[in-house]
Amino acid sequence: MTLDIQPIPCLKDNYAYLIHAHGQTDAVVVDPSEEAPVTAALKERGLSLVGILATHHHHDHVGGIAALVAAARGPVWVAAHAQDKGRVPEQTAFVEAPEDQLAPTALAIAGVPLLAMHIPGHTRAAIAWALVSPDGTPTDIFTGDTLFGAGCGRLFEGTPAQMYRSLQALTAGPAGVRLWFGHEYTASNLRFAASVEPDNAAVSARAAALAARTTPTTVGLERDTNPFLRAGSVEELAARRAAKDKF
């Protein structure tokens, strides 16, 4: 089954993602920060919302959930980490996921299994959602605000050690795995990356070729250009995160 992933710009710089199978009308959305752009995308494609995946509880990722559920033609499941119970509107699926590895869940999109991994750091209950190929290999991972293009999220509820582990786990797979992130921060992140590693040719090349929309990135591209992923220790990541907060 081939799944289509469509980024939906929301708010100032957020992305929600619309997922559906070719030839089918059921759709799932990831991190709908507001209702209107998602509803417009569903209507344009003749799709019906059946599920919502939240990567974490922040309002700029879940703000549209209640209105979307209320307007849906039928039941809509809403999945987030079990630790986000009470913080994600309309949540119906409370997923327990391990750190450091993607694990199966009871959820699927058009028969394609959904995997999940607990990725604390930005928030305590941040969760990554992954789609897999027929042989079970992850092909696409939704990273929320834990991993951005050439960056990572602020440490609101987590520690540098948690963020370090989460970034390493998110990029442990093949170089071609696509990573779909929560905000369009890549240009700014690359300017910071260049300040950290001024001789990194991959950073310069990525910045020179940057498009207006930079999602998705890939595991390989992040390994080459993301200064937080490339940090050699927890302490180095912590120093880089503190510097980025003031950049």
C-alpha atoms as a PDB file:
ATOM      1  CA  MET A   1       0.000   0.000   0.000  1.00  0.00           C
ATOM      2  CA  THR A   2       1.411   3.406  -1.014  1.00  0.00           C
ATOM      3  CA  LEU A   3       0.786   6.244   1.415  1.00  0.00           C
ATOM      4  CA  ASP A   4       0.874   9.906   0.445  1.00  0.00           C
ATOM      5  CA  ILE A   5       2.210  12.432   2.963  1.00  0.00           C
ATOM      6  CA  GLN A   6       1.202  16.057   2.415  1.00  0.00           C
ATOM      7  CA  PRO A   7       2.680  18.861   4.546  1.00  0.00           C
ATOM      8  CA  ILE A   8       0.091  21.455   5.569  1.00  0.00           C
ATOM      9  CA  PRO A   9       1.514  24.850   6.602  1.00  0.00           C
ATOM     10  CA  CYS A  10      -0.179  26.119   9.776  1.00  0.00           C
ATOM     11  CA  LEU A  11       0.140  29.181  12.006  1.00  0.00           C
ATOM     12  CA  LYS A  12       3.392  31.087  11.372  1.00  0.00           C
ATOM     13  CA  ASP A  13       5.858  28.277  10.739  1.00  0.00           C
ATOM     14  CA  ASN A  14       4.213  24.992  11.825  1.00  0.00           C
ATOM     15  CA  TYR A  15       3.607  21.894   9.764  1.00  0.00           C
ATOM     16  CA  ALA A  16       0.750  19.458  10.106  1.00  0.00           C
ATOM     17  CA  TYR A  17       0.843  16.367   7.914  1.00  0.00           C
ATOM     18  CA  LEU A  18      -1.971  14.670   6.033  1.00  0.00           C
ATOM     19  CA  ILE A  19      -1.531  10.929   5.384  1.00  0.00           C
ATOM     20  CA  HIS A  20      -3.738   8.802   3.172  1.00  0.00           C
ATOM     21  CA  ALA A  21      -3.551   5.849   0.812  1.00  0.00           C
ATOM     22  CA  HIS A  22      -3.931   6.272  -2.916  1.00  0.00           C
ATOM     23  CA  GLY A  23      -7.456   5.348  -3.987  1.00  0.00           C
ATOM     24  CA  GLN A  24      -8.893   5.543  -0.483  1.00  0.00           C
ATOM     25  CA  THR A  25     -10.722   8.362   1.291  1.00  0.00           C
ATOM     26  CA  ASP A  26      -9.754   7.788   4.938  1.00  0.00           C
ATOM     27  CA  ALA A  27      -7.045  10.140   6.197  1.00  0.00           C
ATOM     28  CA  VAL A  28      -4.925  10.675   9.295  1.00  0.00           C
ATOM     29  CA  VAL A  29      -3.378  13.994  10.289  1.00  0.00           C
ATOM     30  CA  VAL A  30      -0.267  14.605  12.395  1.00  0.00           C
ATOM     31  CA  ASP A  31      -0.047  17.606  14.766  1.00  0.00           C
ATOM     32  CA  PRO A  32      -2.973  19.782  13.632  1.00  0.00           C
ATOM     33  CA  SER A  33      -2.192  23.086  15.312  1.00  0.00           C
ATOM     34  CA  GLU A  34      -5.281  24.701  13.794  1.00  0.00           C
ATOM     35  CA  GLU A  35      -8.421  23.411  12.161  1.00  0.00           C
ATOM     36  CA  ALA A  36      -8.943  25.514   9.026  1.00  0.00           C
ATOM     37  CA  PRO A  37      -5.894  24.539   6.914  1.00  0.00           C
ATOM     38  CA  VAL A  38      -6.442  20.850   7.675  1.00  0.00           C
ATOM     39  CA  THR A  39     -10.133  21.020   6.814  1.00  0.00           C
ATOM     40  CA  ALA A  40      -9.290  22.765   3.544  1.00  0.00           C
ATOM     41  CA  ALA A  41      -6.745  20.087   2.651  1.00  0.00           C
ATOM     42  CA  LEU A  42      -9.215  17.297   3.416  1.00  0.00           C
ATOM     43  CA  LYS A  43     -11.933  18.941   1.327  1.00  0.00           C
ATOM     44  CA  GLU A  44      -9.599  19.604  -1.607  1.00  0.00           C
ATOM     45  CA  ARG A  45      -8.685  15.916  -1.770  1.00  0.00           C
ATOM     46  CA  GLY A  46     -12.124  14.506  -0.957  1.00  0.00           C
ATOM     47  CA  LEU A  47     -10.857  12.839   2.219  1.00  0.00           C
ATOM     48  CA  SER A  48     -12.488  11.984   5.543  1.00  0.00           C
ATOM     49  CA  LEU A  49     -10.569  12.305   8.799  1.00  0.00           C
ATOM     50  CA  VAL A  50     -10.418   9.062  10.813  1.00  0.00           C
ATOM     51  CA  GLY A  51      -7.365   9.566  13.041  1.00  0.00           C
ATOM     52  CA  ILE A  52      -5.026  12.132  14.575  1.00  0.00           C
ATOM     53  CA  LEU A  53      -1.444  11.606  15.748  1.00  0.00           C
ATOM     54  CA  ALA A  54       0.024  14.064  18.240  1.00  0.00           C
ATOM     55  CA  THR A  55       3.779  14.170  18.851  1.00  0.00           C
ATOM     56  CA  HIS A  56       3.405  16.203  22.066  1.00  0.00           C
ATOM     57  CA  HIS A  57       0.917  18.325  23.962  1.00  0.00           C
ATOM     58  CA  HIS A  58       1.957  21.881  23.058  1.00  0.00           C
ATOM     59  CA  HIS A  59      -0.931  23.994  21.783  1.00  0.00           C
ATOM     60  CA  ASP A  60       0.807  24.747  18.481  1.00  0.00           C
ATOM     61  CA  HIS A  61       0.584  21.015  17.731  1.00  0.00           C
ATOM     62  CA  VAL A  62      -2.825  20.096  19.162  1.00  0.00           C
ATOM     63  CA  GLY A  63      -4.809  23.334  18.950  1.00  0.00           C
ATOM     64  CA  GLY A  64      -6.972  22.147  16.055  1.00  0.00           C
ATOM     65  CA  ILE A  65      -7.853  18.710  17.387  1.00  0.00           C
ATOM     66  CA  ALA A  66     -11.101  19.475  19.193  1.00  0.00           C
ATOM     67  CA  ALA A  67     -12.623  21.326  16.231  1.00  0.00           C
ATOM     68  CA  LEU A  68     -11.534  18.642  13.755  1.00  0.00           C
ATOM     69  CA  VAL A  69     -13.037  15.858  15.868  1.00  0.00           C
ATOM     70  CA  ALA A  70     -16.270  17.811  16.305  1.00  0.00           C
ATOM     71  CA  ALA A  71     -16.587  18.419  12.556  1.00  0.00           C
ATOM     72  CA  ALA A  72     -15.691  14.905  11.422  1.00  0.00           C
ATOM     73  CA  ARG A  73     -18.231  12.745   9.596  1.00  0.00           C
ATOM     74  CA  GLY A  74     -17.564   9.775  11.867  1.00  0.00           C
ATOM     75  CA  PRO A  75     -15.467   8.652  14.847  1.00  0.00           C
ATOM     76  CA  VAL A  76     -11.896   9.932  15.014  1.00  0.00           C
ATOM     77  CA  TRP A  77      -9.219   8.319  17.157  1.00  0.00           C
ATOM     78  CA  VAL A  78      -6.582  10.600  18.707  1.00  0.00           C
ATOM     79  CA  ALA A  79      -3.248   9.058  19.678  1.00  0.00           C
ATOM     80  CA  ALA A  80      -0.462  10.452  21.838  1.00  0.00           C
ATOM     81  CA  HIS A  81       1.913   9.132  24.472  1.00  0.00           C
ATOM     82  CA  ALA A  82       0.267   7.751  27.587  1.00  0.00           C
ATOM     83  CA  GLN A  83       2.081  10.373  29.691  1.00  0.00           C
ATOM     84  CA  ASP A  84       0.253  13.127  27.819  1.00  0.00           C
ATOM     85  CA  LYS A  85      -3.099  11.973  29.197  1.00  0.00           C
ATOM     86  CA  GLY A  86      -5.107  15.060  30.085  1.00  0.00           C
ATOM     87  CA  ARG A  87      -2.880  17.323  27.989  1.00  0.00           C
ATOM     88  CA  VAL A  88      -3.918  16.293  24.457  1.00  0.00           C
ATOM     89  CA  PRO A  89      -7.542  17.168  23.590  1.00  0.00           C
ATOM     90  CA  GLU A  90      -9.890  14.277  22.786  1.00  0.00           C
ATOM     91  CA  GLN A  91      -7.128  11.673  23.251  1.00  0.00           C
ATOM     92  CA  THR A  92      -8.430   8.120  22.851  1.00  0.00           C
ATOM     93  CA  ALA A  93      -5.214   6.107  22.351  1.00  0.00           C
ATOM     94  CA  PHE A  94      -2.666   6.247  25.165  1.00  0.00           C
ATOM     95  CA  VAL A  95       0.462   4.743  23.669  1.00  0.00           C
ATOM     96  CA  GLU A  96       3.297   3.365  25.762  1.00  0.00           C
ATOM     97  CA  ALA A  97       6.461   3.395  23.651  1.00  0.00           C
ATOM     98  CA  PRO A  98      10.049   2.556  24.554  1.00  0.00           C
ATOM     99  CA  GLU A  99      12.953   4.947  24.306  1.00  0.00           C
ATOM    100  CA  ASP A 100      15.842   4.178  21.931  1.00  0.00           C
ATOM    101  CA  GLN A 101      13.863   2.061  19.461  1.00  0.00           C
ATOM    102  CA  LEU A 102      10.728   2.099  17.362  1.00  0.00           C
ATOM    103  CA  ALA A 103       8.149  -0.427  18.510  1.00  0.00           C
ATOM    104  CA  PRO A 104       4.840  -1.662  17.064  1.00  0.00           C
ATOM    105  CA  THR A 105       1.575  -0.091  18.180  1.00  0.00           C
ATOM    106  CA  ALA A 106      -2.024  -1.201  17.756  1.00  0.00           C
ATOM    107  CA  LEU A 107      -2.518   1.581  15.191  1.00  0.00           C
ATOM    108  CA  ALA A 108      -2.311   1.476  11.404  1.00  0.00           C
ATOM    109  CA  ILE A 109      -3.044   3.731   8.436  1.00  0.00           C
ATOM    110  CA  ALA A 110      -4.714   1.947   5.509  1.00  0.00           C
ATOM    111  CA  GLY A 111      -3.220  -1.300   6.748  1.00  0.00           C
ATOM    112  CA  VAL A 112       0.295   0.141   7.115  1.00  0.00           C
ATOM    113  CA  PRO A 113       1.494  -0.441  10.699  1.00  0.00           C
ATOM    114  CA  LEU A 114       2.419   2.545  12.838  1.00  0.00           C
ATOM    115  CA  LEU A 115       5.491   2.299  15.025  1.00  0.00           C
ATOM    116  CA  ALA A 116       6.247   4.626  17.916  1.00  0.00           C
ATOM    117  CA  MET A 117       9.189   5.673  20.056  1.00  0.00           C
ATOM    118  CA  HIS A 118       9.322   7.778  23.208  1.00  0.00           C
ATOM    119  CA  ILE A 119      11.647  10.725  22.494  1.00  0.00           C
ATOM    120  CA  PRO A 120      11.782  12.907  25.632  1.00  0.00           C
ATOM    121  CA  GLY A 121      13.842  16.074  25.674  1.00  0.00           C
ATOM    122  CA  HIS A 122      11.619  18.831  24.310  1.00  0.00           C
ATOM    123  CA  THR A 123       8.754  17.557  26.483  1.00  0.00           C
ATOM    124  CA  ARG A 124       8.573  14.621  28.849  1.00  0.00           C
ATOM    125  CA  ALA A 125       6.033  12.714  26.724  1.00  0.00           C
ATOM    126  CA  ALA A 126       7.226  13.525  23.205  1.00  0.00           C
ATOM    127  CA  ILE A 127       6.623  10.615  20.847  1.00  0.00           C
ATOM    128  CA  ALA A 128       7.768   9.849  17.302  1.00  0.00           C
ATOM    129  CA  TRP A 129       5.464   8.077  14.869  1.00  0.00           C
ATOM    130  CA  ALA A 130       6.876   5.954  12.043  1.00  0.00           C
ATOM    131  CA  LEU A 131       5.550   4.360   8.877  1.00  0.00           C
ATOM    132  CA  VAL A 132       7.153   1.183   7.577  1.00  0.00           C
ATOM    133  CA  SER A 133       7.721  -0.585   4.274  1.00  0.00           C
ATOM    134  CA  PRO A 134       6.228  -4.067   3.631  1.00  0.00           C
ATOM    135  CA  ASP A 135       9.363  -5.672   5.098  1.00  0.00           C
ATOM    136  CA  GLY A 136       8.977  -3.675   8.315  1.00  0.00           C
ATOM    137  CA  THR A 137      11.751  -1.145   7.666  1.00  0.00           C
ATOM    138  CA  PRO A 138      10.889   2.409   8.744  1.00  0.00           C
ATOM    139  CA  THR A 139      10.500   4.781   5.796  1.00  0.00           C
ATOM    140  CA  ASP A 140       9.093   7.936   7.393  1.00  0.00           C
ATOM    141  CA  ILE A 141       9.325   9.289  10.945  1.00  0.00           C
ATOM    142  CA  PHE A 142       7.373  12.232  12.351  1.00  0.00           C
ATOM    143  CA  THR A 143       9.670  13.912  14.855  1.00  0.00           C
ATOM    144  CA  GLY A 144       7.544  16.795  16.169  1.00  0.00           C
ATOM    145  CA  ASP A 145       9.736  19.356  17.919  1.00  0.00           C
ATOM    146  CA  THR A 146      12.467  16.950  19.017  1.00  0.00           C
ATOM    147  CA  LEU A 147      14.390  16.989  15.734  1.00  0.00           C
ATOM    148  CA  PHE A 148      14.173  19.834  13.219  1.00  0.00           C
ATOM    149  CA  GLY A 149      15.998  20.332   9.961  1.00  0.00           C
ATOM    150  CA  ALA A 150      19.573  20.975  11.222  1.00  0.00           C
ATOM    151  CA  GLY A 151      18.281  21.513  14.735  1.00  0.00           C
ATOM    152  CA  CYS A 152      16.459  20.303  17.826  1.00  0.00           C
ATOM    153  CA  GLY A 153      13.792  21.659  20.132  1.00  0.00           C
ATOM    154  CA  ARG A 154      14.284  23.643  23.297  1.00  0.00           C
ATOM    155  CA  LEU A 155      14.500  21.647  26.517  1.00  0.00           C
ATOM    156  CA  PHE A 156      11.222  22.622  28.154  1.00  0.00           C
ATOM    157  CA  GLU A 157      10.570  19.465  30.192  1.00  0.00           C
ATOM    158  CA  GLY A 158      13.585  17.285  29.444  1.00  0.00           C
ATOM    159  CA  THR A 159      17.315  17.142  29.969  1.00  0.00           C
ATOM    160  CA  PRO A 160      20.309  17.344  27.631  1.00  0.00           C
ATOM    161  CA  ALA A 161      20.892  13.629  28.227  1.00  0.00           C
ATOM    162  CA  GLN A 162      17.362  12.793  27.123  1.00  0.00           C
ATOM    163  CA  MET A 163      17.639  14.963  24.010  1.00  0.00           C
ATOM    164  CA  TYR A 164      20.995  13.430  23.141  1.00  0.00           C
ATOM    165  CA  ARG A 165      19.577   9.902  23.344  1.00  0.00           C
ATOM    166  CA  SER A 166      16.433  10.853  21.445  1.00  0.00           C
ATOM    167  CA  LEU A 167      18.324  12.431  18.554  1.00  0.00           C
ATOM    168  CA  GLN A 168      20.632   9.442  18.266  1.00  0.00           C
ATOM    169  CA  ALA A 169      17.665   7.053  18.306  1.00  0.00           C
ATOM    170  CA  LEU A 170      15.731   9.015  15.683  1.00  0.00           C
ATOM    171  CA  THR A 171      18.667   8.805  13.287  1.00  0.00           C
ATOM    172  CA  ALA A 172      19.766   5.229  13.945  1.00  0.00           C
ATOM    173  CA  GLY A 173      18.176   3.904  10.759  1.00  0.00           C
ATOM    174  CA  PRO A 174      19.236   3.971   7.102  1.00  0.00           C
ATOM    175  CA  ALA A 175      20.368   7.288   5.637  1.00  0.00           C
ATOM    176  CA  GLY A 176      17.367   7.502   3.331  1.00  0.00           C
ATOM    177  CA  VAL A 177      14.693   7.427   6.048  1.00  0.00           C
ATOM    178  CA  ARG A 178      12.628  10.600   5.771  1.00  0.00           C
ATOM    179  CA  LEU A 179      12.120  12.780   8.849  1.00  0.00           C
ATOM    180  CA  TRP A 180       9.092  15.079   8.971  1.00  0.00           C
ATOM    181  CA  PHE A 181       9.483  17.841  11.575  1.00  0.00           C
ATOM    182  CA  GLY A 182       7.206  20.344  13.268  1.00  0.00           C
ATOM    183  CA  HIS A 183       8.534  23.799  12.301  1.00  0.00           C
ATOM    184  CA  GLU A 184      10.220  25.531   9.390  1.00  0.00           C
ATOM    185  CA  TYR A 185      13.354  26.623  11.238  1.00  0.00           C
ATOM    186  CA  THR A 186      15.945  25.156   8.872  1.00  0.00           C
ATOM    187  CA  ALA A 187      17.441  28.393   7.519  1.00  0.00           C
ATOM    188  CA  SER A 188      18.079  29.761  10.995  1.00  0.00           C
ATOM    189  CA  ASN A 189      19.336  26.390  12.205  1.00  0.00           C
ATOM    190  CA  LEU A 190      21.851  26.216   9.371  1.00  0.00           C
ATOM    191  CA  ARG A 191      23.182  29.661  10.226  1.00  0.00           C
ATOM    192  CA  PHE A 192      23.805  28.405  13.742  1.00  0.00           C
ATOM    193  CA  ALA A 193      25.319  25.178  12.407  1.00  0.00           C
ATOM    194  CA  ALA A 194      27.752  27.221  10.324  1.00  0.00           C
ATOM    195  CA  SER A 195      28.814  29.132  13.429  1.00  0.00           C
ATOM    196  CA  VAL A 196      29.467  25.860  15.253  1.00  0.00           C
ATOM    197  CA  GLU A 197      31.233  24.097  12.365  1.00  0.00           C
ATOM    198  CA  PRO A 198      32.455  26.811   9.964  1.00  0.00           C
ATOM    199  CA  ASP A 199      34.439  24.276   7.928  1.00  0.00           C
ATOM    200  CA  ASN A 200      31.545  21.831   7.435  1.00  0.00           C
ATOM    201  CA  ALA A 201      31.072  21.794   3.665  1.00  0.00           C
ATOM    202  CA  ALA A 202      27.809  19.864   3.974  1.00  0.00           C
ATOM    203  CA  VAL A 203      26.286  22.690   6.025  1.00  0.00           C
ATOM    204  CA  SER A 204      27.328  25.269   3.419  1.00  0.00           C
ATOM    205  CA  ALA A 205      25.987  23.150   0.569  1.00  0.00           C
ATOM    206  CA  ARG A 206      22.667  22.587   2.321  1.00  0.00           C
ATOM    207  CA  ALA A 207      22.245  26.286   3.034  1.00  0.00           C
ATOM    208  CA  ALA A 208      23.050  27.222  -0.563  1.00  0.00           C
ATOM    209  CA  ALA A 209      20.448  24.816  -1.939  1.00  0.00           C
ATOM    210  CA  LEU A 210      17.738  25.574   0.615  1.00  0.00           C
ATOM    211  CA  ALA A 211      14.149  25.617  -0.619  1.00  0.00           C
ATOM    212  CA  ALA A 212      11.273  27.538   0.937  1.00  0.00           C
ATOM    213  CA  ARG A 213       9.863  24.284   2.319  1.00  0.00           C
ATOM    214  CA  THR A 214      12.524  22.017   3.777  1.00  0.00           C
ATOM    215  CA  THR A 215      10.458  19.142   5.151  1.00  0.00           C
ATOM    216  CA  PRO A 216      11.146  16.263   4.972  1.00  0.00           C
ATOM    217  CA  THR A 217      14.801  15.943   5.738  1.00  0.00           C
ATOM    218  CA  THR A 218      16.615  12.601   5.857  1.00  0.00           C
ATOM    219  CA  VAL A 219      18.647  10.707   8.410  1.00  0.00           C
ATOM    220  CA  GLY A 220      21.749  11.070   6.235  1.00  0.00           C
ATOM    221  CA  LEU A 221      21.352  14.816   5.808  1.00  0.00           C
ATOM    222  CA  GLU A 222      20.939  15.313   9.530  1.00  0.00           C
ATOM    223  CA  ARG A 223      23.993  13.228  10.310  1.00  0.00           C
ATOM    224  CA  ASP A 224      26.003  15.517   8.060  1.00  0.00           C
ATOM    225  CA  THR A 225      24.611  18.904   9.081  1.00  0.00           C
ATOM    226  CA  ASN A 226      22.759  18.864  12.415  1.00  0.00           C
ATOM    227  CA  PRO A 227      25.046  20.327  15.112  1.00  0.00           C
ATOM    228  CA  PHE A 228      23.033  18.778  17.953  1.00  0.00           C
ATOM    229  CA  LEU A 229      23.051  15.320  16.447  1.00  0.00           C
ATOM    230  CA  ARG A 230      26.751  15.744  15.675  1.00  0.00           C
ATOM    231  CA  ALA A 231      27.598  16.690  19.268  1.00  0.00           C
ATOM    232  CA  GLY A 232      30.112  14.237  20.633  1.00  0.00           C
ATOM    233  CA  SER A 233      28.697  14.127  24.153  1.00  0.00           C
ATOM    234  CA  VAL A 234      25.764  15.170  26.300  1.00  0.00           C
ATOM    235  CA  GLU A 235      27.833  18.060  27.606  1.00  0.00           C
ATOM    236  CA  GLU A 236      28.585  19.297  24.098  1.00  0.00           C
ATOM    237  CA  LEU A 237      24.917  19.113  23.148  1.00  0.00           C
ATOM    238  CA  ALA A 238      23.983  21.052  26.288  1.00  0.00           C
ATOM    239  CA  ALA A 239      26.504  23.778  25.454  1.00  0.00           C
ATOM    240  CA  ARG A 240      25.257  24.005  21.872  1.00  0.00           C
ATOM    241  CA  ARG A 241      21.604  24.141  22.983  1.00  0.00           C
ATOM    242  CA  ALA A 242      22.393  26.955  25.432  1.00  0.00           C
ATOM    243  CA  ALA A 243      24.227  28.844  22.688  1.00  0.00           C
ATOM    244  CA  LYS A 244      21.364  28.355  20.232  1.00  0.00           C
ATOM    245  CA  ASP A 245      18.872  29.705  22.770  1.00  0.00           C
ATOM    246  CA  LYS A 246      20.779  33.030  22.602  1.00  0.00           C
ATOM    247  CA  PHE A 247      21.689  32.915  18.901  1.00  0.00           C
END
